[in-house]
Amino acid sequence: MSLPIKFSKNALEHIRALRKSMNLNEDTCLRIGVKGGKGCMVVEKMIGFDQKTEQDEVYQIEDIRVLIRKGESLYIAGLEVDYVDVGNSRGFVFRG
């Protein structure tokens, strides 16, 4: 199964650096998901580290395991995760 979302090279480098600086164990994966979306609420994309649950699909991108909850792929399909560091703004962004 192919990953429904892409990652820039810069994003992957920063994810690896974060994992190392946070001293995360091997069972900790990168989670991509959404929150909100009920009724007229806007769907907000999120990224973080988490443990796998039964509701997750597991994907592999290079050396990083990525978790996406079943049913959330349609909200993030075709997007790219990038990392920006411009002026006072820095962090992960979703493009697409």
N, C-alpha and C. Protein backbone atom coordinates (compact mmCIF):
# COMPACT_ATOMS: atom_id res chain seq x y z
N MET A 1 0.85 -1.17 0.00
CA MET A 1 0.00 0.00 0.00
C MET A 1 0.89 1.24 0.00
N SER A 2 0.60 2.17 -0.90
CA SER A 2 1.46 3.34 -0.98
C SER A 2 0.96 4.45 -0.05
N LEU A 3 1.89 5.22 0.43
CA LEU A 3 1.62 6.31 1.35
C LEU A 3 0.81 7.39 0.63
N PRO A 4 -0.35 7.82 1.18
CA PRO A 4 -1.19 8.80 0.50
C PRO A 4 -0.68 10.23 0.60
N ILE A 5 0.43 10.44 1.29
CA ILE A 5 0.97 11.77 1.49
C ILE A 5 2.47 11.73 1.20
N LYS A 6 3.02 12.87 0.77
CA LYS A 6 4.45 12.93 0.46
C LYS A 6 5.17 13.78 1.50
N PHE A 7 6.48 13.60 1.59
CA PHE A 7 7.32 14.36 2.51
C PHE A 7 8.47 14.98 1.73
N SER A 8 8.75 16.24 2.00
CA SER A 8 9.92 16.86 1.39
C SER A 8 11.17 16.31 2.08
N LYS A 9 12.28 16.44 1.41
CA LYS A 9 13.57 16.01 1.98
C LYS A 9 13.82 16.76 3.30
N ASN A 10 13.53 18.06 3.31
CA ASN A 10 13.72 18.88 4.50
C ASN A 10 12.86 18.40 5.66
N ALA A 11 11.61 18.02 5.38
CA ALA A 11 10.72 17.52 6.43
C ALA A 11 11.27 16.22 7.02
N LEU A 12 11.73 15.31 6.16
CA LEU A 12 12.27 14.04 6.65
C LEU A 12 13.50 14.27 7.53
N GLU A 13 14.36 15.19 7.14
CA GLU A 13 15.55 15.49 7.95
C GLU A 13 15.15 16.02 9.33
N HIS A 14 14.15 16.90 9.38
CA HIS A 14 13.72 17.45 10.67
C HIS A 14 12.98 16.42 11.52
N ILE A 15 12.24 15.52 10.90
CA ILE A 15 11.59 14.44 11.65
C ILE A 15 12.65 13.56 12.30
N ARG A 16 13.68 13.20 11.55
CA ARG A 16 14.76 12.39 12.12
C ARG A 16 15.46 13.11 13.27
N ALA A 17 15.73 14.40 13.09
CA ALA A 17 16.40 15.19 14.14
C ALA A 17 15.52 15.26 15.39
N LEU A 18 14.22 15.44 15.22
CA LEU A 18 13.30 15.48 16.36
C LEU A 18 13.29 14.16 17.11
N ARG A 19 13.20 13.06 16.36
CA ARG A 19 13.21 11.72 16.99
C ARG A 19 14.46 11.56 17.85
N LYS A 20 15.59 11.96 17.30
CA LYS A 20 16.85 11.81 18.02
C LYS A 20 16.89 12.71 19.25
N SER A 21 16.49 13.97 19.11
CA SER A 21 16.55 14.90 20.23
C SER A 21 15.56 14.53 21.34
N MET A 22 14.45 13.88 20.97
CA MET A 22 13.45 13.47 21.96
C MET A 22 13.75 12.09 22.53
N ASN A 23 14.79 11.43 21.98
CA ASN A 23 15.21 10.11 22.44
C ASN A 23 14.04 9.12 22.44
N LEU A 24 13.30 9.07 21.32
CA LEU A 24 12.13 8.19 21.21
C LEU A 24 12.53 6.76 20.94
N ASN A 25 11.76 5.82 21.47
CA ASN A 25 12.07 4.40 21.26
C ASN A 25 11.61 3.96 19.87
N GLU A 26 12.00 2.77 19.48
CA GLU A 26 11.73 2.24 18.15
C GLU A 26 10.23 2.05 17.88
N ASP A 27 9.42 1.87 18.93
CA ASP A 27 7.98 1.66 18.75
C ASP A 27 7.22 2.96 18.48
N THR A 28 7.87 4.08 18.66
CA THR A 28 7.21 5.37 18.44
C THR A 28 7.28 5.73 16.96
N CYS A 29 6.10 5.99 16.39
CA CYS A 29 5.98 6.27 14.97
C CYS A 29 5.55 7.72 14.75
N LEU A 30 5.64 8.15 13.53
CA LEU A 30 5.15 9.47 13.15
C LEU A 30 3.67 9.33 12.81
N ARG A 31 2.84 10.16 13.42
CA ARG A 31 1.40 10.14 13.12
C ARG A 31 1.03 11.36 12.29
N ILE A 32 0.33 11.10 11.20
CA ILE A 32 -0.26 12.15 10.37
C ILE A 32 -1.76 11.95 10.47
N GLY A 33 -2.49 13.03 10.75
CA GLY A 33 -3.92 12.86 10.89
C GLY A 33 -4.67 14.16 10.79
N VAL A 34 -5.93 14.09 11.20
CA VAL A 34 -6.80 15.25 11.19
C VAL A 34 -7.55 15.33 12.51
N LYS A 35 -7.99 16.56 12.83
CA LYS A 35 -8.91 16.74 13.93
C LYS A 35 -9.99 17.69 13.48
N GLY A 36 -11.12 17.62 14.13
CA GLY A 36 -12.26 18.43 13.69
C GLY A 36 -13.00 17.72 12.59
N GLY A 37 -13.71 18.50 11.78
CA GLY A 37 -14.40 17.94 10.63
C GLY A 37 -15.82 17.48 10.89
N LYS A 38 -16.35 17.71 12.09
CA LYS A 38 -17.72 17.32 12.38
C LYS A 38 -18.65 18.49 12.05
N GLY A 39 -19.74 18.21 11.37
CA GLY A 39 -20.65 19.29 10.99
C GLY A 39 -19.98 20.23 10.02
N CYS A 40 -19.99 21.53 10.35
CA CYS A 40 -19.36 22.51 9.45
C CYS A 40 -17.95 22.87 9.89
N MET A 41 -17.39 22.14 10.84
CA MET A 41 -16.05 22.46 11.30
C MET A 41 -15.01 22.15 10.23
N VAL A 42 -13.97 22.93 10.22
CA VAL A 42 -12.86 22.73 9.29
C VAL A 42 -12.00 21.57 9.77
N VAL A 43 -11.52 20.77 8.83
CA VAL A 43 -10.61 19.68 9.16
C VAL A 43 -9.21 20.26 9.29
N GLU A 44 -8.59 20.04 10.44
CA GLU A 44 -7.25 20.54 10.71
C GLU A 44 -6.27 19.38 10.64
N LYS A 45 -5.19 19.55 9.86
CA LYS A 45 -4.19 18.50 9.75
C LYS A 45 -3.24 18.57 10.94
N MET A 46 -2.71 17.40 11.35
CA MET A 46 -1.79 17.36 12.47
C MET A 46 -0.66 16.37 12.19
N ILE A 47 0.45 16.60 12.89
CA ILE A 47 1.62 15.74 12.79
C ILE A 47 2.21 15.61 14.19
N GLY A 48 2.67 14.42 14.54
CA GLY A 48 3.26 14.20 15.85
C GLY A 48 3.76 12.77 15.97
N PHE A 49 4.29 12.44 17.12
CA PHE A 49 4.78 11.09 17.37
C PHE A 49 3.78 10.37 18.26
N ASP A 50 3.59 9.07 18.00
CA ASP A 50 2.57 8.31 18.73
C ASP A 50 2.87 6.83 18.63
N GLN A 51 2.11 6.05 19.38
CA GLN A 51 2.19 4.59 19.34
C GLN A 51 1.08 4.07 18.43
N LYS A 52 1.32 2.95 17.77
CA LYS A 52 0.35 2.33 16.88
C LYS A 52 -0.85 1.81 17.67
N THR A 53 -2.04 1.98 17.09
CA THR A 53 -3.26 1.40 17.66
C THR A 53 -3.90 0.50 16.60
N GLU A 54 -4.95 -0.20 16.97
CA GLU A 54 -5.64 -1.09 16.03
C GLU A 54 -6.31 -0.32 14.90
N GLN A 55 -6.59 0.96 15.09
CA GLN A 55 -7.27 1.77 14.08
C GLN A 55 -6.31 2.35 13.04
N ASP A 56 -5.02 2.04 13.14
CA ASP A 56 -4.02 2.66 12.28
C ASP A 56 -3.61 1.80 11.10
N GLU A 57 -3.37 2.48 9.99
CA GLU A 57 -2.66 1.90 8.85
C GLU A 57 -1.21 2.30 9.06
N VAL A 58 -0.27 1.39 8.77
CA VAL A 58 1.15 1.68 8.95
C VAL A 58 1.82 1.71 7.58
N TYR A 59 2.57 2.79 7.35
CA TYR A 59 3.30 2.98 6.10
C TYR A 59 4.77 3.17 6.43
N GLN A 60 5.62 2.97 5.45
CA GLN A 60 7.06 3.15 5.64
C GLN A 60 7.55 4.14 4.59
N ILE A 61 8.25 5.19 5.04
CA ILE A 61 8.92 6.10 4.12
C ILE A 61 10.37 6.16 4.58
N GLU A 62 11.22 5.58 3.78
CA GLU A 62 12.64 5.41 4.12
C GLU A 62 12.72 4.72 5.49
N ASP A 63 13.33 5.35 6.50
CA ASP A 63 13.49 4.71 7.81
C ASP A 63 12.42 5.16 8.81
N ILE A 64 11.36 5.78 8.35
CA ILE A 64 10.34 6.34 9.24
C ILE A 64 9.02 5.60 9.04
N ARG A 65 8.47 5.07 10.15
CA ARG A 65 7.14 4.45 10.10
C ARG A 65 6.10 5.54 10.33
N VAL A 66 5.09 5.56 9.46
CA VAL A 66 4.06 6.59 9.49
C VAL A 66 2.71 5.93 9.79
N LEU A 67 2.00 6.51 10.75
CA LEU A 67 0.67 6.03 11.13
C LEU A 67 -0.39 6.98 10.60
N ILE A 68 -1.45 6.40 10.03
CA ILE A 68 -2.62 7.17 9.62
C ILE A 68 -3.84 6.36 10.03
N ARG A 69 -4.73 6.96 10.79
CA ARG A 69 -5.94 6.25 11.21
C ARG A 69 -6.78 5.89 9.99
N LYS A 70 -7.38 4.71 10.03
CA LYS A 70 -8.25 4.27 8.95
C LYS A 70 -9.35 5.31 8.76
N GLY A 71 -9.58 5.70 7.53
CA GLY A 71 -10.61 6.68 7.22
C GLY A 71 -10.11 8.11 7.12
N GLU A 72 -8.91 8.38 7.61
CA GLU A 72 -8.38 9.74 7.54
C GLU A 72 -7.55 10.00 6.29
N SER A 73 -7.20 8.95 5.57
CA SER A 73 -6.37 9.10 4.37
C SER A 73 -7.01 10.03 3.35
N LEU A 74 -8.34 9.99 3.23
CA LEU A 74 -9.00 10.80 2.22
C LEU A 74 -8.83 12.30 2.48
N TYR A 75 -8.59 12.70 3.74
CA TYR A 75 -8.41 14.12 4.07
C TYR A 75 -7.00 14.62 3.78
N ILE A 76 -6.05 13.70 3.67
CA ILE A 76 -4.66 14.11 3.48
C ILE A 76 -4.06 13.63 2.17
N ALA A 77 -4.81 12.85 1.42
CA ALA A 77 -4.31 12.30 0.15
C ALA A 77 -3.86 13.42 -0.78
N GLY A 78 -2.66 13.27 -1.34
CA GLY A 78 -2.14 14.23 -2.30
C GLY A 78 -1.39 15.40 -1.68
N LEU A 79 -1.39 15.51 -0.35
CA LEU A 79 -0.67 16.61 0.30
C LEU A 79 0.81 16.28 0.43
N GLU A 80 1.61 17.31 0.68
CA GLU A 80 3.03 17.13 0.98
C GLU A 80 3.33 17.81 2.30
N VAL A 81 4.07 17.13 3.15
CA VAL A 81 4.55 17.71 4.40
C VAL A 81 5.91 18.32 4.12
N ASP A 82 6.08 19.58 4.51
CA ASP A 82 7.35 20.27 4.33
C ASP A 82 7.71 20.90 5.68
N TYR A 83 8.97 21.30 5.81
CA TYR A 83 9.42 22.01 7.00
C TYR A 83 9.95 23.36 6.54
N VAL A 84 9.43 24.44 7.13
CA VAL A 84 9.87 25.78 6.75
C VAL A 84 10.55 26.46 7.93
N ASP A 85 11.50 27.29 7.60
CA ASP A 85 12.22 28.09 8.60
C ASP A 85 12.50 29.45 7.96
N VAL A 86 11.53 30.36 8.09
CA VAL A 86 11.61 31.67 7.45
C VAL A 86 11.30 32.73 8.50
N GLY A 87 12.27 33.62 8.75
CA GLY A 87 12.06 34.67 9.73
C GLY A 87 11.74 34.10 11.10
N ASN A 88 10.61 34.52 11.66
CA ASN A 88 10.18 34.03 12.97
C ASN A 88 9.28 32.81 12.88
N SER A 89 9.05 32.32 11.68
CA SER A 89 8.17 31.17 11.48
C SER A 89 8.99 29.93 11.15
N ARG A 90 8.74 28.88 11.91
CA ARG A 90 9.39 27.61 11.59
C ARG A 90 8.49 26.49 12.07
N GLY A 91 8.45 25.45 11.26
CA GLY A 91 7.64 24.29 11.61
C GLY A 91 7.19 23.54 10.38
N PHE A 92 6.40 22.50 10.63
CA PHE A 92 5.90 21.66 9.55
C PHE A 92 4.65 22.29 8.96
N VAL A 93 4.53 22.21 7.64
CA VAL A 93 3.37 22.73 6.92
C VAL A 93 2.87 21.65 5.94
N PHE A 94 1.58 21.69 5.69
CA PHE A 94 0.97 20.80 4.71
C PHE A 94 0.71 21.62 3.45
N ARG A 95 1.20 21.12 2.32
CA ARG A 95 1.00 21.82 1.04
C ARG A 95 0.18 20.94 0.11
N GLY A 96 -0.58 21.61 -0.74
CA GLY A 96 -1.32 20.85 -1.74
C GLY A 96 -2.69 21.32 -1.82
